Amino acid sequence: MSNPNRIRILSRCSFRQLLLVAFLLIAGLLVATSVRALFTLESVAAHSRQASRQAVDMTEHLQRLQERTAAMERAARQFLVLDDPIFKARYQEAAAQAQLSLDAVAADMPNAAKDIISAWKSNRAALTQVLQQPAAQRSSAAADVQQALARLPALNQQLSDLSDAQIGSHNDVLLEELDQQRAMLSWQVIGAIVLAVLLACVFGLWLSMPLAQLEAAIDRLGSGRFDTPIAIQGPADLRRLGQQLDWLQQRLARIQAEKIRFIENVARRLRTSDAGGGQQRQIADVLNYHEAVLQAQQVHRLPVDVRVLLNKIVDDHRGLYEARGIRVEVSGSVAMMGLDLTKMEYVLGSLLSNAVRFSPPAGVVRFLIAQGGRGGLQLDCIDQGPGVAEEDAPYIFDPFHPARPSAPGDRPGMPVSLAIAREYIEAQHGGIVLLPTPGGAHFRIVLPDEY
């Protein structure tokens, strides 16, 4: 099956089905390795049992041969001395039993003991022939009889030594086989583990890609960016979810466009009405705030030196505060941070403009720069103006809350620039608050370093 066909088949499966397939593949691989290991151990154990059984049988056969050889020797000596047919019969019975044991030993060692077994049979045949002769002839062959009787135990010992050597050789072969099987099994286990890890990584990466695409799509939806189509590649259920998100994005884009058209239409009608200057300013505030909300989530981070940026903002507003004899002080510094330069220029400029606006002549506006938590920024702006009324403080960042004027000639309502500043700061995952003070206004900005 070609790769495109495999991909098409996999793409028809759901996320849960693919997880099950991955689990079954990895589990099947490990089970196959375990079964292979079980059969290998069983094979080695069977060989070990067979070798042990052969060693026990060989030892028993040799022990019986030695016992029956001793019985043959004892009966032959008694017959030579006493010339009693009973002892001759005992000899013949022991010889027949010894032959059976010898045949069993020959079967245990079919090739290694041929010469020794042949010599054993020859000595037994010579001894049997002498014992079959009359007494007078047996006396003359006494030396041959003693020699034959002496050779049989020696031949038995040779068979015993040869058996020990054969058992040792079998043990060596078994140990070598065990080492080979263990080494092969080790490689199989290592290979199975490596293959299982590779399968887990491949499936994990393949399944995490659509999840990452979904996460990015949701982030774009949350930030109000509806210009990128959502197309999720991967399992069938995640692709269907991507299609639903794309439909939702298109729906939100249409709602956003309709809202913009509605606000512009209302603003155009208000401009053509007989509203006064205050009404015109409120319209401008609505439009400015609406545009700022749309742009707030489009963050473009750059390395920014906050102290240098703040000094530039102070210099740009020098004519504004020096005309009233107000002094602006900047202290502290932090390392370079990843911030949106354009938005930070607006935020700092707004704080300075509002502080100068509400400060008394010859007053002081102070900016304090300090290191925040986890290497971030903490920036305080403190002025000596009348401050914010207690009942208006909770709504200081609400652009449309009807607050009383803070100074003669001020129009009602909160400065919309503070609401825009909050949108810009929160878009960079930070926060801006108004701290309670006995006099003046004290704003604090906290921003993380996410560059």
Protein backbone atom coordinates (compact mmCIF):
# COMPACT_ATOMS: atom_id res chain seq x y z
CA MET A 1 0.00 0.00 0.00
CA SER A 2 1.42 3.37 -1.01
CA ASN A 3 2.05 6.16 1.49
CA PRO A 4 -0.78 8.43 0.17
CA ASN A 5 -3.24 5.56 0.62
CA ARG A 6 -2.03 5.00 4.17
CA ILE A 7 -2.39 8.69 4.94
CA ARG A 8 -5.93 8.76 3.54
CA ILE A 9 -6.90 5.72 5.62
CA LEU A 10 -5.42 7.23 8.78
CA SER A 11 -7.10 10.57 8.10
CA ARG A 12 -10.50 8.83 8.12
CA CYS A 13 -9.90 7.65 11.69
CA SER A 14 -10.82 9.73 14.70
CA PHE A 15 -8.40 10.98 17.32
CA ARG A 16 -9.54 8.31 19.81
CA GLN A 17 -9.24 5.57 17.18
CA LEU A 18 -5.70 6.62 16.33
CA LEU A 19 -4.78 6.65 20.00
CA LEU A 20 -6.17 3.12 20.27
CA VAL A 21 -4.21 2.03 17.18
CA ALA A 22 -1.01 3.49 18.62
CA PHE A 23 -1.63 1.77 21.95
CA LEU A 24 -2.38 -1.57 20.27
CA LEU A 25 0.71 -1.37 18.08
CA ILE A 26 3.00 -0.62 21.00
CA ALA A 27 1.28 -3.17 23.24
CA GLY A 28 1.40 -5.80 20.46
CA LEU A 29 5.10 -5.18 19.94
CA LEU A 30 5.84 -5.57 23.64
CA VAL A 31 3.61 -8.65 23.91
CA ALA A 32 5.31 -10.25 20.90
CA THR A 33 8.69 -9.63 22.49
CA SER A 34 7.48 -11.10 25.78
CA VAL A 35 6.09 -14.20 24.04
CA ARG A 36 9.34 -14.60 22.13
CA ALA A 37 11.25 -14.35 25.39
CA LEU A 38 8.92 -16.93 26.98
CA PHE A 39 9.46 -19.41 24.15
CA THR A 40 13.21 -18.84 24.24
CA LEU A 41 13.37 -19.49 27.97
CA GLU A 42 11.16 -22.56 27.57
CA SER A 43 13.46 -23.91 24.83
CA VAL A 44 16.55 -23.38 26.97
CA ALA A 45 14.80 -24.99 29.95
CA ALA A 46 13.77 -28.00 27.82
CA HIS A 47 17.36 -28.48 26.64
CA SER A 48 18.55 -28.19 30.20
CA ARG A 49 16.03 -30.80 31.39
CA GLN A 50 17.00 -33.14 28.56
CA ALA A 51 20.70 -32.79 29.33
CA SER A 52 20.08 -33.38 33.03
CA ARG A 53 17.98 -36.46 32.30
CA GLN A 54 20.68 -37.86 29.97
CA ALA A 55 23.35 -37.25 32.61
CA VAL A 56 21.30 -39.03 35.28
CA ASP A 57 20.58 -41.99 32.97
CA MET A 58 24.22 -42.28 31.95
CA THR A 59 25.34 -42.20 35.57
CA GLU A 60 22.81 -44.87 36.53
CA HIS A 61 23.86 -47.12 33.63
CA LEU A 62 27.54 -46.80 34.54
CA GLN A 63 26.79 -47.50 38.22
CA ARG A 64 24.86 -50.66 37.30
CA LEU A 65 27.66 -51.75 34.98
CA GLN A 66 30.20 -51.36 37.77
CA GLU A 67 27.98 -53.28 40.22
CA ARG A 68 27.39 -56.12 37.79
CA THR A 69 31.05 -56.21 36.78
CA ALA A 70 31.92 -56.59 40.48
CA ALA A 71 29.35 -59.42 40.72
CA MET A 72 30.91 -61.08 37.66
CA GLU A 73 34.38 -60.83 39.17
CA ARG A 74 33.24 -62.18 42.53
CA ALA A 75 31.38 -65.15 40.99
CA ALA A 76 34.28 -65.95 38.63
CA ARG A 77 36.83 -66.02 41.45
CA GLN A 78 34.56 -68.20 43.59
CA PHE A 79 34.04 -70.61 40.68
CA LEU A 80 37.79 -70.85 40.01
CA VAL A 81 38.47 -71.72 43.66
CA LEU A 82 35.52 -73.96 44.51
CA ASP A 83 34.61 -75.31 41.03
CA ASP A 84 30.94 -75.10 42.03
CA PRO A 85 28.46 -74.82 39.10
CA ILE A 86 26.32 -72.44 41.19
CA PHE A 87 29.00 -69.77 41.02
CA LYS A 88 29.35 -70.34 37.31
CA ALA A 89 25.61 -69.76 36.91
CA ARG A 90 25.89 -66.59 39.01
CA TYR A 91 28.70 -65.43 36.77
CA GLN A 92 26.65 -66.01 33.64
CA GLU A 93 23.66 -64.15 35.11
CA ALA A 94 25.83 -61.21 36.17
CA ALA A 95 27.50 -61.18 32.75
CA ALA A 96 24.13 -61.06 30.98
CA GLN A 97 22.99 -58.17 33.18
CA ALA A 98 26.32 -56.40 32.67
CA GLN A 99 25.84 -56.75 28.91
CA LEU A 100 22.47 -55.00 29.16
CA SER A 101 24.02 -52.14 31.13
CA LEU A 102 26.90 -51.99 28.64
CA ASP A 103 24.44 -51.72 25.76
CA ALA A 104 22.69 -48.84 27.57
CA VAL A 105 26.05 -47.11 28.06
CA ALA A 106 26.84 -47.64 24.37
CA ALA A 107 23.50 -46.04 23.46
CA ASP A 108 24.34 -43.04 25.67
CA MET A 109 27.75 -42.65 23.99
CA PRO A 110 27.22 -44.04 20.46
CA ASN A 111 30.50 -42.86 18.97
CA ALA A 112 32.84 -41.86 21.77
CA ALA A 113 33.11 -45.26 23.58
CA LYS A 114 33.34 -47.75 20.70
CA ASP A 115 36.93 -48.87 21.43
CA ILE A 116 36.41 -49.15 25.18
CA ILE A 117 33.18 -51.12 24.79
CA SER A 118 34.81 -53.41 22.24
CA ALA A 119 37.70 -54.07 24.66
CA TRP A 120 35.21 -54.68 27.49
CA LYS A 121 33.34 -57.27 25.40
CA SER A 122 36.57 -58.94 24.34
CA ASN A 123 37.75 -59.35 27.95
CA ARG A 124 34.37 -60.68 29.02
CA ALA A 125 34.34 -63.15 26.11
CA ALA A 126 37.87 -64.33 26.97
CA LEU A 127 36.91 -64.74 30.63
CA THR A 128 33.73 -66.62 29.74
CA GLN A 129 35.69 -68.93 27.42
CA VAL A 130 38.18 -69.82 30.17
CA LEU A 131 35.41 -70.52 32.65
CA GLN A 132 33.80 -72.92 30.14
CA GLN A 133 36.98 -75.10 30.02
CA PRO A 134 37.63 -78.16 32.24
CA ALA A 135 39.30 -77.54 35.60
CA ALA A 136 42.74 -78.77 34.42
CA GLN A 137 42.79 -76.33 31.54
CA ARG A 138 41.47 -73.49 33.71
CA SER A 139 44.48 -73.87 36.04
CA SER A 140 46.89 -73.30 33.19
CA ALA A 141 44.97 -70.14 32.13
CA ALA A 142 44.80 -68.67 35.65
CA ALA A 143 47.05 -65.76 34.68
CA ASP A 144 44.80 -64.86 31.74
CA VAL A 145 41.78 -65.00 34.00
CA GLN A 146 43.32 -62.65 36.56
CA GLN A 147 44.36 -60.27 33.78
CA ALA A 148 40.86 -60.22 32.30
CA LEU A 149 39.31 -59.68 35.75
CA ALA A 150 41.67 -56.76 36.36
CA ARG A 151 40.95 -55.11 33.00
CA LEU A 152 37.16 -54.92 33.39
CA PRO A 153 37.18 -52.39 36.33
CA ALA A 154 39.78 -50.32 34.49
CA LEU A 155 37.58 -50.24 31.39
CA ASN A 156 34.61 -49.25 33.55
CA GLN A 157 36.63 -46.36 34.95
CA GLN A 158 37.51 -45.23 31.43
CA LEU A 159 33.81 -45.29 30.54
CA SER A 160 33.06 -43.24 33.67
CA ASP A 161 35.72 -40.68 32.79
CA LEU A 162 34.42 -40.48 29.23
CA SER A 163 30.88 -40.01 30.58
CA ASP A 164 32.01 -37.15 32.81
CA ALA A 165 33.74 -35.52 29.86
CA GLN A 166 30.63 -35.89 27.70
CA ILE A 167 28.38 -34.45 30.42
CA GLY A 168 30.76 -31.51 30.84
CA SER A 169 30.79 -30.96 27.08
CA HIS A 170 26.98 -30.98 27.00
CA ASN A 171 26.92 -28.48 29.86
CA ASP A 172 29.33 -26.22 28.00
CA VAL A 173 27.17 -26.38 24.88
CA LEU A 174 24.08 -25.63 26.96
CA LEU A 175 25.75 -22.63 28.62
CA GLU A 176 26.91 -21.34 25.25
CA GLU A 177 23.38 -21.69 23.89
CA LEU A 178 22.03 -19.92 26.96
CA ASP A 179 24.46 -17.04 26.45
CA GLN A 180 23.50 -16.79 22.77
CA GLN A 181 19.80 -16.83 23.55
CA ARG A 182 20.24 -14.28 26.30
CA ALA A 183 22.22 -11.96 24.01
CA MET A 184 19.64 -12.35 21.23
CA LEU A 185 16.82 -11.81 23.69
CA SER A 186 18.53 -8.68 25.03
CA TRP A 187 18.81 -7.25 21.53
CA GLN A 188 15.20 -8.13 20.84
CA VAL A 189 14.06 -6.37 24.00
CA ILE A 190 16.20 -3.31 23.21
CA GLY A 191 14.91 -3.28 19.64
CA ALA A 192 11.32 -3.59 20.84
CA ILE A 193 11.76 -0.74 23.30
CA VAL A 194 13.42 1.49 20.69
CA LEU A 195 10.71 0.67 18.15
CA ALA A 196 7.99 1.28 20.75
CA VAL A 197 9.53 4.68 21.59
CA LEU A 198 9.76 5.55 17.89
CA LEU A 199 6.13 4.56 17.36
CA ALA A 200 5.09 6.62 20.38
CA CYS A 201 7.07 9.63 19.11
CA VAL A 202 5.72 9.34 15.57
CA PHE A 203 2.11 9.01 16.70
CA GLY A 204 2.62 11.68 19.36
CA LEU A 205 4.03 14.17 16.88
CA TRP A 206 1.44 13.31 14.25
CA LEU A 207 -1.41 13.71 16.73
CA SER A 208 0.04 16.84 18.36
CA MET A 209 0.24 18.76 15.07
CA PRO A 210 -3.55 19.19 14.67
CA LEU A 211 -3.81 20.03 18.37
CA ALA A 212 -1.22 22.77 17.91
CA GLN A 213 -3.15 24.03 14.87
CA LEU A 214 -6.33 24.10 16.94
CA GLU A 215 -4.59 25.97 19.74
CA ALA A 216 -3.22 28.56 17.31
CA ALA A 217 -6.67 28.96 15.72
CA ILE A 218 -8.31 29.48 19.10
CA ASP A 219 -5.63 32.05 20.03
CA ARG A 220 -6.37 33.96 16.82
CA LEU A 221 -10.08 33.88 17.57
CA GLY A 222 -9.45 35.14 21.08
CA SER A 223 -7.27 37.98 19.81
CA GLY A 224 -9.86 39.07 17.25
CA ARG A 225 -7.86 38.07 14.15
CA PHE A 226 -10.32 36.58 11.65
CA ASP A 227 -8.29 36.92 8.45
CA THR A 228 -6.65 33.45 8.39
CA PRO A 229 -8.79 30.47 7.29
CA ILE A 230 -8.80 27.56 9.75
CA ALA A 231 -7.83 24.24 8.12
CA ILE A 232 -6.87 21.41 10.47
CA GLN A 233 -4.93 18.44 9.08
CA GLY A 234 -5.17 15.14 10.93
CA PRO A 235 -7.84 12.79 12.31
CA ALA A 236 -11.39 13.09 11.03
CA ASP A 237 -12.93 14.39 14.25
CA LEU A 238 -10.29 17.11 14.63
CA ARG A 239 -10.78 18.13 10.99
CA ARG A 240 -14.52 18.44 11.65
CA LEU A 241 -13.73 20.55 14.72
CA GLY A 242 -11.51 22.75 12.56
CA GLN A 243 -14.36 23.20 10.08
CA GLN A 244 -16.66 24.23 12.91
CA LEU A 245 -14.08 26.73 14.17
CA ASP A 246 -13.69 28.12 10.66
CA TRP A 247 -17.47 28.57 10.45
CA LEU A 248 -17.40 30.31 13.85
CA GLN A 249 -14.53 32.55 12.70
CA GLN A 250 -16.45 33.59 9.60
CA ARG A 251 -19.50 34.26 11.73
CA LEU A 252 -17.50 36.40 14.17
CA ALA A 253 -15.89 38.27 11.29
CA ARG A 254 -19.30 39.12 9.88
CA ILE A 255 -20.54 40.24 13.32
CA GLN A 256 -17.39 42.35 13.79
CA ALA A 257 -17.83 43.97 10.39
CA GLU A 258 -21.50 44.69 11.11
CA LYS A 259 -20.56 46.21 14.49
CA ILE A 260 -17.97 48.47 12.87
CA ARG A 261 -20.44 49.58 10.24
CA PHE A 262 -23.04 50.26 12.93
CA ILE A 263 -20.64 52.36 15.03
CA GLU A 264 -19.46 54.30 11.99
CA ASN A 265 -23.03 54.91 10.95
CA VAL A 266 -23.98 56.15 14.43
CA ALA A 267 -20.90 58.36 14.55
CA ARG A 268 -21.63 59.83 11.14
CA ARG A 269 -25.18 60.65 12.15
CA LEU A 270 -24.03 62.21 15.39
CA ARG A 271 -21.49 64.35 13.55
CA THR A 272 -24.19 65.67 11.25
CA SER A 273 -26.46 66.47 14.18
CA ASP A 274 -26.49 69.65 16.22
CA ALA A 275 -24.44 68.14 19.07
CA GLY A 276 -22.07 70.43 20.91
CA GLY A 277 -18.31 70.15 21.38
CA GLY A 278 -18.61 67.79 24.34
CA GLN A 279 -20.76 65.47 22.29
CA GLN A 280 -18.19 65.57 19.48
CA ARG A 281 -15.41 64.65 21.89
CA GLN A 282 -17.42 61.70 23.21
CA ILE A 283 -17.91 60.46 19.66
CA ALA A 284 -14.18 60.74 19.05
CA ASP A 285 -13.50 58.82 22.28
CA VAL A 286 -15.86 56.01 21.21
CA LEU A 287 -14.16 55.69 17.85
CA ASN A 288 -10.66 55.86 19.30
CA TYR A 289 -11.39 53.27 21.96
CA HIS A 290 -13.07 50.95 19.48
CA GLU A 291 -10.11 51.14 17.11
CA ALA A 292 -7.68 50.55 20.01
CA VAL A 293 -9.55 47.41 21.10
CA LEU A 294 -9.26 46.03 17.57
CA GLN A 295 -5.52 46.74 17.43
CA ALA A 296 -4.68 45.74 21.00
CA GLN A 297 -4.26 42.03 20.35
CA GLN A 298 -1.86 42.49 17.46
CA VAL A 299 1.33 42.47 19.52
CA HIS A 300 4.73 42.85 17.85
CA ARG A 301 7.46 42.35 20.42
CA LEU A 302 10.91 43.91 20.11
CA PRO A 303 13.77 44.28 22.58
CA VAL A 304 13.07 47.56 24.42
CA ASP A 305 15.13 49.50 26.96
CA VAL A 306 12.35 50.92 29.14
CA ARG A 307 14.54 53.65 30.65
CA VAL A 308 15.60 54.91 27.21
CA LEU A 309 12.02 54.77 25.93
CA LEU A 310 10.69 56.66 28.96
CA ASN A 311 13.38 59.36 28.63
CA LYS A 312 12.32 59.82 24.98
CA ILE A 313 8.65 60.18 25.99
CA VAL A 314 9.62 62.78 28.65
CA ASP A 315 11.65 64.74 26.11
CA ASP A 316 8.77 64.67 23.59
CA HIS A 317 6.39 66.16 26.20
CA ARG A 318 8.89 68.68 27.61
CA GLY A 319 7.03 71.72 26.27
CA LEU A 320 3.78 70.49 27.90
CA TYR A 321 5.02 70.26 31.46
CA GLU A 322 7.74 72.95 31.47
CA ALA A 323 5.14 75.59 30.51
CA ARG A 324 3.48 74.94 33.91
CA GLY A 325 6.70 74.62 35.84
CA ILE A 326 6.19 70.90 36.44
CA ARG A 327 9.23 68.69 36.94
CA VAL A 328 9.38 65.07 35.70
CA GLU A 329 11.77 62.64 37.40
CA VAL A 330 12.77 59.17 36.13
CA SER A 331 14.67 56.70 38.31
CA GLY A 332 15.64 53.05 38.10
CA SER A 333 16.19 50.74 35.14
CA VAL A 334 15.75 47.15 34.00
CA ALA A 335 17.35 44.92 31.40
CA MET A 336 16.14 44.84 27.81
CA MET A 337 12.63 43.41 27.56
CA GLY A 338 10.45 42.04 24.78
CA LEU A 339 7.64 44.62 24.45
CA ASP A 340 5.45 46.17 21.78
CA LEU A 341 7.24 49.47 21.21
CA THR A 342 4.30 51.35 19.64
CA LYS A 343 1.87 50.36 22.37
CA MET A 344 4.33 51.17 25.15
CA GLU A 345 4.92 54.63 23.64
CA TYR A 346 1.18 55.26 23.80
CA VAL A 347 0.85 53.92 27.37
CA LEU A 348 3.76 55.93 28.78
CA GLY A 349 2.70 59.04 26.87
CA SER A 350 -0.85 58.73 28.23
CA LEU A 351 0.34 58.31 31.82
CA LEU A 352 2.59 61.34 31.49
CA SER A 353 -0.09 63.49 29.82
CA ASN A 354 -2.70 62.66 32.47
CA ALA A 355 -0.21 63.21 35.31
CA VAL A 356 0.81 66.63 33.92
CA ARG A 357 -2.82 67.53 33.25
CA PHE A 358 -3.89 67.02 36.86
CA SER A 359 -0.66 68.16 38.57
CA PRO A 360 -0.55 71.60 40.20
CA PRO A 361 1.89 74.23 38.91
CA ALA A 362 5.48 73.56 40.05
CA GLY A 363 4.46 70.01 40.92
CA VAL A 364 6.51 66.83 40.44
CA VAL A 365 5.68 63.73 38.38
CA ARG A 366 7.80 60.70 39.23
CA PHE A 367 8.42 57.52 37.22
CA LEU A 368 9.97 54.62 39.14
CA ILE A 369 11.36 51.67 37.13
CA ALA A 370 12.07 48.43 39.01
CA GLN A 371 12.54 44.73 38.41
CA GLY A 372 9.27 42.81 38.62
CA GLY A 373 8.64 39.18 39.38
CA ARG A 374 10.38 36.55 37.17
CA GLY A 375 12.55 39.16 35.47
CA GLY A 376 9.66 41.37 34.37
CA LEU A 377 8.97 45.09 34.74
CA GLN A 378 7.32 47.15 37.47
CA LEU A 379 6.77 50.80 36.54
CA ASP A 380 5.11 53.39 38.83
CA CYS A 381 3.79 56.80 37.81
CA ILE A 382 3.07 59.14 40.74
CA ASP A 383 1.76 62.71 40.52
CA GLN A 384 0.76 65.40 43.04
CA GLY A 385 -2.65 66.22 41.62
CA PRO A 386 -6.05 65.97 43.37
CA GLY A 387 -6.18 62.23 42.76
CA VAL A 388 -9.24 60.15 41.89
CA ALA A 389 -12.42 60.33 43.90
CA GLU A 390 -13.00 57.22 46.01
CA GLU A 391 -16.30 56.46 44.32
CA ASP A 392 -14.69 56.76 40.86
CA ALA A 393 -11.52 54.72 41.53
CA PRO A 394 -13.06 51.31 40.62
CA TYR A 395 -14.05 52.70 37.20
CA ILE A 396 -10.85 54.58 36.34
CA PHE A 397 -10.23 52.30 33.32
CA ASP A 398 -13.86 52.37 32.12
CA PRO A 399 -13.96 54.79 29.15
CA PHE A 400 -17.68 55.45 29.43
CA HIS A 401 -18.23 55.69 33.19
CA PRO A 402 -19.78 59.08 34.08
CA ALA A 403 -17.28 60.41 36.63
CA ARG A 404 -17.26 63.97 37.96
CA PRO A 405 -14.65 66.44 36.63
CA SER A 406 -11.36 66.35 38.57
CA ALA A 407 -10.44 69.96 37.78
CA PRO A 408 -12.25 73.10 36.64
CA GLY A 409 -12.97 73.01 32.94
CA ASP A 410 -12.67 69.20 32.66
CA ARG A 411 -15.41 67.32 30.92
CA PRO A 412 -17.15 64.46 32.75
CA GLY A 413 -16.13 60.85 32.17
CA MET A 414 -12.89 58.97 32.63
CA PRO A 415 -9.94 59.67 30.29
CA VAL A 416 -10.37 57.20 27.44
CA SER A 417 -6.58 57.05 27.09
CA LEU A 418 -6.39 55.07 30.35
CA ALA A 419 -8.84 52.50 29.01
CA ILE A 420 -6.77 52.18 25.85
CA ALA A 421 -3.60 51.88 27.95
CA ARG A 422 -5.19 49.00 29.89
CA GLU A 423 -6.06 47.22 26.62
CA TYR A 424 -2.47 47.62 25.39
CA ILE A 425 -0.94 46.40 28.66
CA GLU A 426 -3.25 43.39 28.99
CA ALA A 427 -2.54 42.45 25.37
CA GLN A 428 1.10 41.99 26.49
CA HIS A 429 -0.08 39.77 29.40
CA GLY A 430 0.52 42.50 31.93
CA GLY A 431 -1.62 44.62 34.22
CA ILE A 432 -2.15 48.27 35.22
CA VAL A 433 -3.78 49.35 38.50
CA LEU A 434 -4.50 52.49 40.48
CA LEU A 435 -2.95 52.23 43.95
CA PRO A 436 -4.55 54.00 46.91
CA THR A 437 -2.55 57.04 48.09
CA PRO A 438 -3.29 59.91 50.52
CA GLY A 439 -2.74 62.43 47.72
CA GLY A 440 -2.27 62.47 43.96
CA ALA A 441 -2.65 59.47 41.67
CA HIS A 442 -0.36 56.41 41.74
CA PHE A 443 -0.53 54.07 38.72
CA ARG A 444 1.50 50.84 38.59
CA ILE A 445 2.24 48.75 35.50
CA VAL A 446 3.48 45.16 35.77
CA LEU A 447 4.69 43.38 32.64
CA PRO A 448 6.35 39.97 32.13
CA ASP A 449 9.37 39.54 29.89
CA GLU A 450 8.14 37.17 27.15
CA TYR A 451 10.57 38.01 24.37
